[in-house]
Amino acid sequence: MDTEGPEADTPLERELDLLMRRQGLQVPTAYKAGVLAGYEDLRRMTAHLRQPRDAESEPANVFQLDALLRGR
């Protein structure tokens, strides 16, 4: 990720460079590889979270706060 703009190596790198420029952020060259790796992981996680889910996918430990506080 030593280059920016059209000279960037990968589409993901170009996307991150664009987002960083839009926000006016500059990442030191020494940190760019780590930031890119974190961004790649974040993209993968958000894609996983944006999947349709059934009722079975909901956590089994749902509780009501009122029931826990009853009698106090």
PDB file of N, CA and C in Angstrom:
ATOM      1  N   MET A   1       0.829  -1.194   0.000  1.00  0.00           N
ATOM      2  CA  MET A   1       0.000   0.000   0.000  1.00  0.00           C
ATOM      3  C   MET A   1       0.868   1.251   0.000  1.00  0.00           C
ATOM      4  N   ASP A   2       2.006   1.149  -0.612  1.00  0.00           N
ATOM      5  CA  ASP A   2       2.906   2.287  -0.677  1.00  0.00           C
ATOM      6  C   ASP A   2       2.455   3.319  -1.684  1.00  0.00           C
ATOM      7  N   THR A   3       1.567   2.935  -2.578  1.00  0.00           N
ATOM      8  CA  THR A   3       1.083   3.869  -3.584  1.00  0.00           C
ATOM      9  C   THR A   3      -0.357   4.214  -3.296  1.00  0.00           C
ATOM     10  N   GLU A   4      -0.800   5.301  -3.852  1.00  0.00           N
ATOM     11  CA  GLU A   4      -2.179   5.734  -3.679  1.00  0.00           C
ATOM     12  C   GLU A   4      -2.792   5.982  -5.035  1.00  0.00           C
ATOM     13  N   GLY A   5      -4.106   6.005  -5.062  1.00  0.00           N
ATOM     14  CA  GLY A   5      -4.821   6.303  -6.289  1.00  0.00           C
ATOM     15  C   GLY A   5      -4.747   5.168  -7.279  1.00  0.00           C
ATOM     16  N   PRO A   6      -4.725   5.476  -8.563  1.00  0.00           N
ATOM     17  CA  PRO A   6      -4.766   4.447  -9.591  1.00  0.00           C
ATOM     18  C   PRO A   6      -3.562   3.510  -9.584  1.00  0.00           C
ATOM     19  N   GLU A   7      -2.452   3.911  -8.944  1.00  0.00           N
ATOM     20  CA  GLU A   7      -1.271   3.065  -8.915  1.00  0.00           C
ATOM     21  C   GLU A   7      -1.321   2.019  -7.805  1.00  0.00           C
ATOM     22  N   ALA A   8      -2.351   2.037  -6.966  1.00  0.00           N
ATOM     23  CA  ALA A   8      -2.461   1.073  -5.869  1.00  0.00           C
ATOM     24  C   ALA A   8      -2.513  -0.344  -6.431  1.00  0.00           C
ATOM     25  N   ASP A   9      -2.036  -1.291  -5.644  1.00  0.00           N
ATOM     26  CA  ASP A   9      -1.867  -2.667  -6.122  1.00  0.00           C
ATOM     27  C   ASP A   9      -3.169  -3.429  -6.332  1.00  0.00           C
ATOM     28  N   THR A  10      -4.107  -3.352  -5.409  1.00  0.00           N
ATOM     29  CA  THR A  10      -5.317  -4.170  -5.478  1.00  0.00           C
ATOM     30  C   THR A  10      -6.558  -3.300  -5.440  1.00  0.00           C
ATOM     31  N   PRO A  11      -7.695  -3.845  -5.876  1.00  0.00           N
ATOM     32  CA  PRO A  11      -8.952  -3.073  -5.779  1.00  0.00           C
ATOM     33  C   PRO A  11      -9.286  -2.704  -4.328  1.00  0.00           C
ATOM     34  N   LEU A  12      -9.007  -3.611  -3.399  1.00  0.00           N
ATOM     35  CA  LEU A  12      -9.281  -3.320  -1.992  1.00  0.00           C
ATOM     36  C   LEU A  12      -8.409  -2.172  -1.497  1.00  0.00           C
ATOM     37  N   GLU A  13      -7.175  -2.165  -1.928  1.00  0.00           N
ATOM     38  CA  GLU A  13      -6.244  -1.096  -1.556  1.00  0.00           C
ATOM     39  C   GLU A  13      -6.702   0.242  -2.133  1.00  0.00           C
ATOM     40  N   ARG A  14      -7.152   0.221  -3.377  1.00  0.00           N
ATOM     41  CA  ARG A  14      -7.669   1.454  -3.998  1.00  0.00           C
ATOM     42  C   ARG A  14      -8.912   1.950  -3.264  1.00  0.00           C
ATOM     43  N   GLU A  15      -9.785   1.007  -2.871  1.00  0.00           N
ATOM     44  CA  GLU A  15     -10.996   1.389  -2.138  1.00  0.00           C
ATOM     45  C   GLU A  15     -10.643   2.032  -0.805  1.00  0.00           C
ATOM     46  N   LEU A  16      -9.717   1.430  -0.071  1.00  0.00           N
ATOM     47  CA  LEU A  16      -9.301   1.986   1.217  1.00  0.00           C
ATOM     48  C   LEU A  16      -8.653   3.355   1.027  1.00  0.00           C
ATOM     49  N   ASP A  17      -7.798   3.491   0.027  1.00  0.00           N
ATOM     50  CA  ASP A  17      -7.166   4.786  -0.244  1.00  0.00           C
ATOM     51  C   ASP A  17      -8.220   5.852  -0.528  1.00  0.00           C
ATOM     52  N   LEU A  18      -9.227   5.508  -1.308  1.00  0.00           N
ATOM     53  CA  LEU A  18     -10.289   6.452  -1.628  1.00  0.00           C
ATOM     54  C   LEU A  18     -11.051   6.860  -0.371  1.00  0.00           C
ATOM     55  N   LEU A  19     -11.402   5.880   0.454  1.00  0.00           N
ATOM     56  CA  LEU A  19     -12.137   6.180   1.685  1.00  0.00           C
ATOM     57  C   LEU A  19     -11.305   7.052   2.621  1.00  0.00           C
ATOM     58  N   MET A  20     -10.029   6.752   2.731  1.00  0.00           N
ATOM     59  CA  MET A  20      -9.161   7.547   3.601  1.00  0.00           C
ATOM     60  C   MET A  20      -9.034   8.989   3.087  1.00  0.00           C
ATOM     61  N   ARG A  21      -8.894   9.136   1.772  1.00  0.00           N
ATOM     62  CA  ARG A  21      -8.801  10.479   1.188  1.00  0.00           C
ATOM     63  C   ARG A  21     -10.089  11.256   1.410  1.00  0.00           C
ATOM     64  N   ARG A  22     -11.231  10.608   1.230  1.00  0.00           N
ATOM     65  CA  ARG A  22     -12.526  11.288   1.424  1.00  0.00           C
ATOM     66  C   ARG A  22     -12.660  11.835   2.846  1.00  0.00           C
ATOM     67  N   GLN A  23     -12.106  11.109   3.811  1.00  0.00           N
ATOM     68  CA  GLN A  23     -12.199  11.528   5.202  1.00  0.00           C
ATOM     69  C   GLN A  23     -11.048  12.436   5.629  1.00  0.00           C
ATOM     70  N   GLY A  24     -10.116  12.665   4.722  1.00  0.00           N
ATOM     71  CA  GLY A  24      -8.978  13.526   5.027  1.00  0.00           C
ATOM     72  C   GLY A  24      -7.971  12.872   5.969  1.00  0.00           C
ATOM     73  N   LEU A  25      -7.919  11.544   5.947  1.00  0.00           N
ATOM     74  CA  LEU A  25      -7.006  10.818   6.832  1.00  0.00           C
ATOM     75  C   LEU A  25      -5.759  10.387   6.086  1.00  0.00           C
ATOM     76  N   GLN A  26      -4.646  10.422   6.789  1.00  0.00           N
ATOM     77  CA  GLN A  26      -3.391   9.951   6.221  1.00  0.00           C
ATOM     78  C   GLN A  26      -2.809   8.908   7.159  1.00  0.00           C
ATOM     79  N   VAL A  27      -2.510   7.755   6.628  1.00  0.00           N
ATOM     80  CA  VAL A  27      -1.914   6.674   7.410  1.00  0.00           C
ATOM     81  C   VAL A  27      -0.422   6.646   7.103  1.00  0.00           C
ATOM     82  N   PRO A  28       0.410   6.650   8.140  1.00  0.00           N
ATOM     83  CA  PRO A  28       1.849   6.554   7.889  1.00  0.00           C
ATOM     84  C   PRO A  28       2.171   5.276   7.112  1.00  0.00           C
ATOM     85  N   THR A  29       3.142   5.345   6.237  1.00  0.00           N
ATOM     86  CA  THR A  29       3.520   4.225   5.382  1.00  0.00           C
ATOM     87  C   THR A  29       3.809   2.963   6.201  1.00  0.00           C
ATOM     88  N   ALA A  30       4.410   3.130   7.371  1.00  0.00           N
ATOM     89  CA  ALA A  30       4.751   1.974   8.204  1.00  0.00           C
ATOM     90  C   ALA A  30       3.508   1.224   8.685  1.00  0.00           C
ATOM     91  N   TYR A  31       2.362   1.895   8.737  1.00  0.00           N
ATOM     92  CA  TYR A  31       1.130   1.284   9.246  1.00  0.00           C
ATOM     93  C   TYR A  31       0.165   0.848   8.150  1.00  0.00           C
ATOM     94  N   LYS A  32       0.424   1.215   6.922  1.00  0.00           N
ATOM     95  CA  LYS A  32      -0.544   0.975   5.847  1.00  0.00           C
ATOM     96  C   LYS A  32      -0.860  -0.503   5.640  1.00  0.00           C
ATOM     97  N   ALA A  33       0.128  -1.370   5.712  1.00  0.00           N
ATOM     98  CA  ALA A  33      -0.120  -2.807   5.516  1.00  0.00           C
ATOM     99  C   ALA A  33      -1.048  -3.336   6.612  1.00  0.00           C
ATOM    100  N   GLY A  34      -0.837  -2.911   7.847  1.00  0.00           N
ATOM    101  CA  GLY A  34      -1.690  -3.341   8.955  1.00  0.00           C
ATOM    102  C   GLY A  34      -3.104  -2.800   8.842  1.00  0.00           C
ATOM    103  N   VAL A  35      -3.223  -1.548   8.429  1.00  0.00           N
ATOM    104  CA  VAL A  35      -4.539  -0.943   8.251  1.00  0.00           C
ATOM    105  C   VAL A  35      -5.290  -1.657   7.127  1.00  0.00           C
ATOM    106  N   LEU A  36      -4.592  -1.976   6.057  1.00  0.00           N
ATOM    107  CA  LEU A  36      -5.218  -2.694   4.945  1.00  0.00           C
ATOM    108  C   LEU A  36      -5.682  -4.082   5.393  1.00  0.00           C
ATOM    109  N   ALA A  37      -4.875  -4.781   6.167  1.00  0.00           N
ATOM    110  CA  ALA A  37      -5.258  -6.110   6.663  1.00  0.00           C
ATOM    111  C   ALA A  37      -6.487  -6.000   7.571  1.00  0.00           C
ATOM    112  N   GLY A  38      -6.516  -4.990   8.427  1.00  0.00           N
ATOM    113  CA  GLY A  38      -7.677  -4.777   9.292  1.00  0.00           C
ATOM    114  C   GLY A  38      -8.918  -4.429   8.501  1.00  0.00           C
ATOM    115  N   TYR A  39      -8.767  -3.620   7.470  1.00  0.00           N
ATOM    116  CA  TYR A  39      -9.899  -3.249   6.620  1.00  0.00           C
ATOM    117  C   TYR A  39     -10.436  -4.475   5.886  1.00  0.00           C
ATOM    118  N   GLU A  40      -9.539  -5.342   5.429  1.00  0.00           N
ATOM    119  CA  GLU A  40      -9.966  -6.561   4.740  1.00  0.00           C
ATOM    120  C   GLU A  40     -10.771  -7.457   5.689  1.00  0.00           C
ATOM    121  N   ASP A  41     -10.302  -7.597   6.918  1.00  0.00           N
ATOM    122  CA  ASP A  41     -11.034  -8.391   7.910  1.00  0.00           C
ATOM    123  C   ASP A  41     -12.390  -7.763   8.217  1.00  0.00           C
ATOM    124  N   LEU A  42     -12.415  -6.448   8.345  1.00  0.00           N
ATOM    125  CA  LEU A  42     -13.668  -5.749   8.626  1.00  0.00           C
ATOM    126  C   LEU A  42     -14.678  -5.951   7.507  1.00  0.00           C
ATOM    127  N   ARG A  43     -14.219  -5.866   6.273  1.00  0.00           N
ATOM    128  CA  ARG A  43     -15.108  -6.109   5.131  1.00  0.00           C
ATOM    129  C   ARG A  43     -15.680  -7.522   5.163  1.00  0.00           C
ATOM    130  N   ARG A  44     -14.844  -8.495   5.487  1.00  0.00           N
ATOM    131  CA  ARG A  44     -15.278  -9.889   5.551  1.00  0.00           C
ATOM    132  C   ARG A  44     -16.312 -10.077   6.668  1.00  0.00           C
ATOM    133  N   MET A  45     -16.080  -9.454   7.819  1.00  0.00           N
ATOM    134  CA  MET A  45     -17.011  -9.588   8.944  1.00  0.00           C
ATOM    135  C   MET A  45     -18.349  -8.916   8.648  1.00  0.00           C
ATOM    136  N   THR A  46     -18.328  -7.729   8.055  1.00  0.00           N
ATOM    137  CA  THR A  46     -19.590  -7.047   7.769  1.00  0.00           C
ATOM    138  C   THR A  46     -20.385  -7.801   6.723  1.00  0.00           C
ATOM    139  N   ALA A  47     -19.727  -8.434   5.770  1.00  0.00           N
ATOM    140  CA  ALA A  47     -20.447  -9.243   4.782  1.00  0.00           C
ATOM    141  C   ALA A  47     -21.129 -10.423   5.468  1.00  0.00           C
ATOM    142  N   HIS A  48     -20.467 -10.997   6.454  1.00  0.00           N
ATOM    143  CA  HIS A  48     -21.046 -12.121   7.203  1.00  0.00           C
ATOM    144  C   HIS A  48     -22.240 -11.657   8.034  1.00  0.00           C
ATOM    145  N   LEU A  49     -22.143 -10.477   8.635  1.00  0.00           N
ATOM    146  CA  LEU A  49     -23.219  -9.970   9.485  1.00  0.00           C
ATOM    147  C   LEU A  49     -24.455  -9.564   8.695  1.00  0.00           C
ATOM    148  N   ARG A  50     -24.302  -9.216   7.456  1.00  0.00           N
ATOM    149  CA  ARG A  50     -25.422  -8.743   6.647  1.00  0.00           C
ATOM    150  C   ARG A  50     -26.146  -9.875   5.917  1.00  0.00           C
ATOM    151  N   GLN A  51     -26.128 -11.060   6.499  1.00  0.00           N
ATOM    152  CA  GLN A  51     -26.823 -12.204   5.919  1.00  0.00           C
ATOM    153  C   GLN A  51     -28.203 -12.334   6.552  1.00  0.00           C
ATOM    154  N   PRO A  52     -29.195 -12.827   5.795  1.00  0.00           N
ATOM    155  CA  PRO A  52     -30.499 -13.086   6.404  1.00  0.00           C
ATOM    156  C   PRO A  52     -30.368 -14.186   7.462  1.00  0.00           C
ATOM    157  N   ARG A  53     -31.156 -14.049   8.524  1.00  0.00           N
ATOM    158  CA  ARG A  53     -31.086 -15.024   9.617  1.00  0.00           C
ATOM    159  C   ARG A  53     -32.468 -15.536   9.972  1.00  0.00           C
ATOM    160  N   ASP A  54     -32.499 -16.792  10.406  1.00  0.00           N
ATOM    161  CA  ASP A  54     -33.734 -17.389  10.904  1.00  0.00           C
ATOM    162  C   ASP A  54     -33.813 -17.164  12.409  1.00  0.00           C
ATOM    163  N   ALA A  55     -34.960 -17.513  12.983  1.00  0.00           N
ATOM    164  CA  ALA A  55     -35.127 -17.392  14.430  1.00  0.00           C
ATOM    165  C   ALA A  55     -34.110 -18.248  15.166  1.00  0.00           C
ATOM    166  N   GLU A  56     -33.704 -19.381  14.574  1.00  0.00           N
ATOM    167  CA  GLU A  56     -32.734 -20.261  15.218  1.00  0.00           C
ATOM    168  C   GLU A  56     -31.362 -19.600  15.350  1.00  0.00           C
ATOM    169  N   SER A  57     -31.123 -18.562  14.583  1.00  0.00           N
ATOM    170  CA  SER A  57     -29.831 -17.885  14.627  1.00  0.00           C
ATOM    171  C   SER A  57     -29.729 -16.906  15.795  1.00  0.00           C
ATOM    172  N   GLU A  58     -30.844 -16.613  16.422  1.00  0.00           N
ATOM    173  CA  GLU A  58     -30.834 -15.657  17.530  1.00  0.00           C
ATOM    174  C   GLU A  58     -30.222 -16.305  18.770  1.00  0.00           C
ATOM    175  N   PRO A  59     -29.636 -15.501  19.636  1.00  0.00           N
ATOM    176  CA  PRO A  59     -29.003 -16.068  20.828  1.00  0.00           C
ATOM    177  C   PRO A  59     -30.023 -16.742  21.742  1.00  0.00           C
ATOM    178  N   ALA A  60     -29.605 -17.818  22.364  1.00  0.00           N
ATOM    179  CA  ALA A  60     -30.481 -18.569  23.258  1.00  0.00           C
ATOM    180  C   ALA A  60     -30.543 -17.941  24.644  1.00  0.00           C
ATOM    181  N   ASN A  61     -29.688 -16.991  24.932  1.00  0.00           N
ATOM    182  CA  ASN A  61     -29.630 -16.413  26.270  1.00  0.00           C
ATOM    183  C   ASN A  61     -30.344 -15.066  26.364  1.00  0.00           C
ATOM    184  N   VAL A  62     -31.433 -14.903  25.658  1.00  0.00           N
ATOM    185  CA  VAL A  62     -32.193 -13.657  25.718  1.00  0.00           C
ATOM    186  C   VAL A  62     -32.933 -13.629  27.050  1.00  0.00           C
ATOM    187  N   PHE A  63     -32.920 -12.497  27.711  1.00  0.00           N
ATOM    188  CA  PHE A  63     -33.579 -12.394  29.010  1.00  0.00           C
ATOM    189  C   PHE A  63     -34.292 -11.064  29.108  1.00  0.00           C
ATOM    190  N   GLN A  64     -35.212 -10.983  30.047  1.00  0.00           N
ATOM    191  CA  GLN A  64     -35.947  -9.766  30.326  1.00  0.00           C
ATOM    192  C   GLN A  64     -35.367  -9.133  31.589  1.00  0.00           C
ATOM    193  N   LEU A  65     -34.971  -7.901  31.525  1.00  0.00           N
ATOM    194  CA  LEU A  65     -34.397  -7.217  32.671  1.00  0.00           C
ATOM    195  C   LEU A  65     -35.409  -7.116  33.804  1.00  0.00           C
ATOM    196  N   ASP A  66     -36.693  -6.877  33.487  1.00  0.00           N
ATOM    197  CA  ASP A  66     -37.727  -6.769  34.528  1.00  0.00           C
ATOM    198  C   ASP A  66     -37.801  -8.048  35.348  1.00  0.00           C
ATOM    199  N   ALA A  67     -37.692  -9.201  34.717  1.00  0.00           N
ATOM    200  CA  ALA A  67     -37.763 -10.474  35.442  1.00  0.00           C
ATOM    201  C   ALA A  67     -36.574 -10.624  36.379  1.00  0.00           C
ATOM    202  N   LEU A  68     -35.419 -10.152  35.986  1.00  0.00           N
ATOM    203  CA  LEU A  68     -34.246 -10.254  36.848  1.00  0.00           C
ATOM    204  C   LEU A  68     -34.313  -9.316  38.048  1.00  0.00           C
ATOM    205  N   LEU A  69     -34.955  -8.174  37.854  1.00  0.00           N
ATOM    206  CA  LEU A  69     -35.002  -7.172  38.913  1.00  0.00           C
ATOM    207  C   LEU A  69     -36.230  -7.321  39.808  1.00  0.00           C
ATOM    208  N   ARG A  70     -37.122  -8.206  39.478  1.00  0.00           N
ATOM    209  CA  ARG A  70     -38.331  -8.397  40.266  1.00  0.00           C
ATOM    210  C   ARG A  70     -37.956  -8.820  41.688  1.00  0.00           C
ATOM    211  N   GLY A  71     -38.597  -8.203  42.666  1.00  0.00           N
ATOM    212  CA  GLY A  71     -38.366  -8.561  44.059  1.00  0.00           C
ATOM    213  C   GLY A  71     -37.210  -7.809  44.700  1.00  0.00           C
ATOM    214  N   ARG A  72     -36.636  -6.866  44.033  1.00  0.00           N
ATOM    215  CA  ARG A  72     -35.532  -6.091  44.640  1.00  0.00           C
ATOM    216  C   ARG A  72     -36.040  -4.787  45.171  1.00  0.00           C
TER     217      ARG A  72
END
